[in-house]
Amino acid sequence: MKQLIYFVAGGGLCAMLYFILNLYLWIMVVIVVGALTVTLALFRYNGRPMPALMKSAFTYFWEPRFYLWKRDEPFAQIPKMPKVPHAGAPAGGNLKNLFFRLDTTTQAIGEREVHFNISSLLSKLPHDTKEKFEVIQKNTGERDAAHRVDYR
């Protein structure tokens, strides 16, 4: 029923304008009014009818907006901290120095690394458990013993 009302209103407007406007101007206006009439009567956008969409757009642009999150008072200024030059390794004990070396080095630190031979470790195991372990190589190049799980 609404579609019929839109078509009748568009046709009536075009008929009225036929008697008011010049022929060439009337043809241009009829094209625009006809396109608007067909759009209002037949098209939907995201499942919503075009009149409801146009009403929502009109109220969005026309009504004032209330921004709850906008602040009226200016933000407090944060005091700037002076820059402290980086002087290298921190002073203050072996623990801080070791942490700094662990954090910034790209080479292995010899004092903290304990090297052991995995083959000798595996040979000390009883013979029946020797099949349950495997030597793996990690992405870093280290070799380690891993428990082997067979799902047979």
Foldseek 3Di string as FASTA:
>chain_A
DVLVVLVVVLVVVLVVVVVVDDPVVSVVVNVVSVVVSCQQRPDDDPNHHPVVVVVVVVCVVPPDDDDPPDDDDDDDDDDDDDDDDDPPQDDDDDVSNVVSCVVPDPDDDVVPDDDDDVVVVLVPDDPVCSVQWDWDADPVGDIDIDGHDDPD
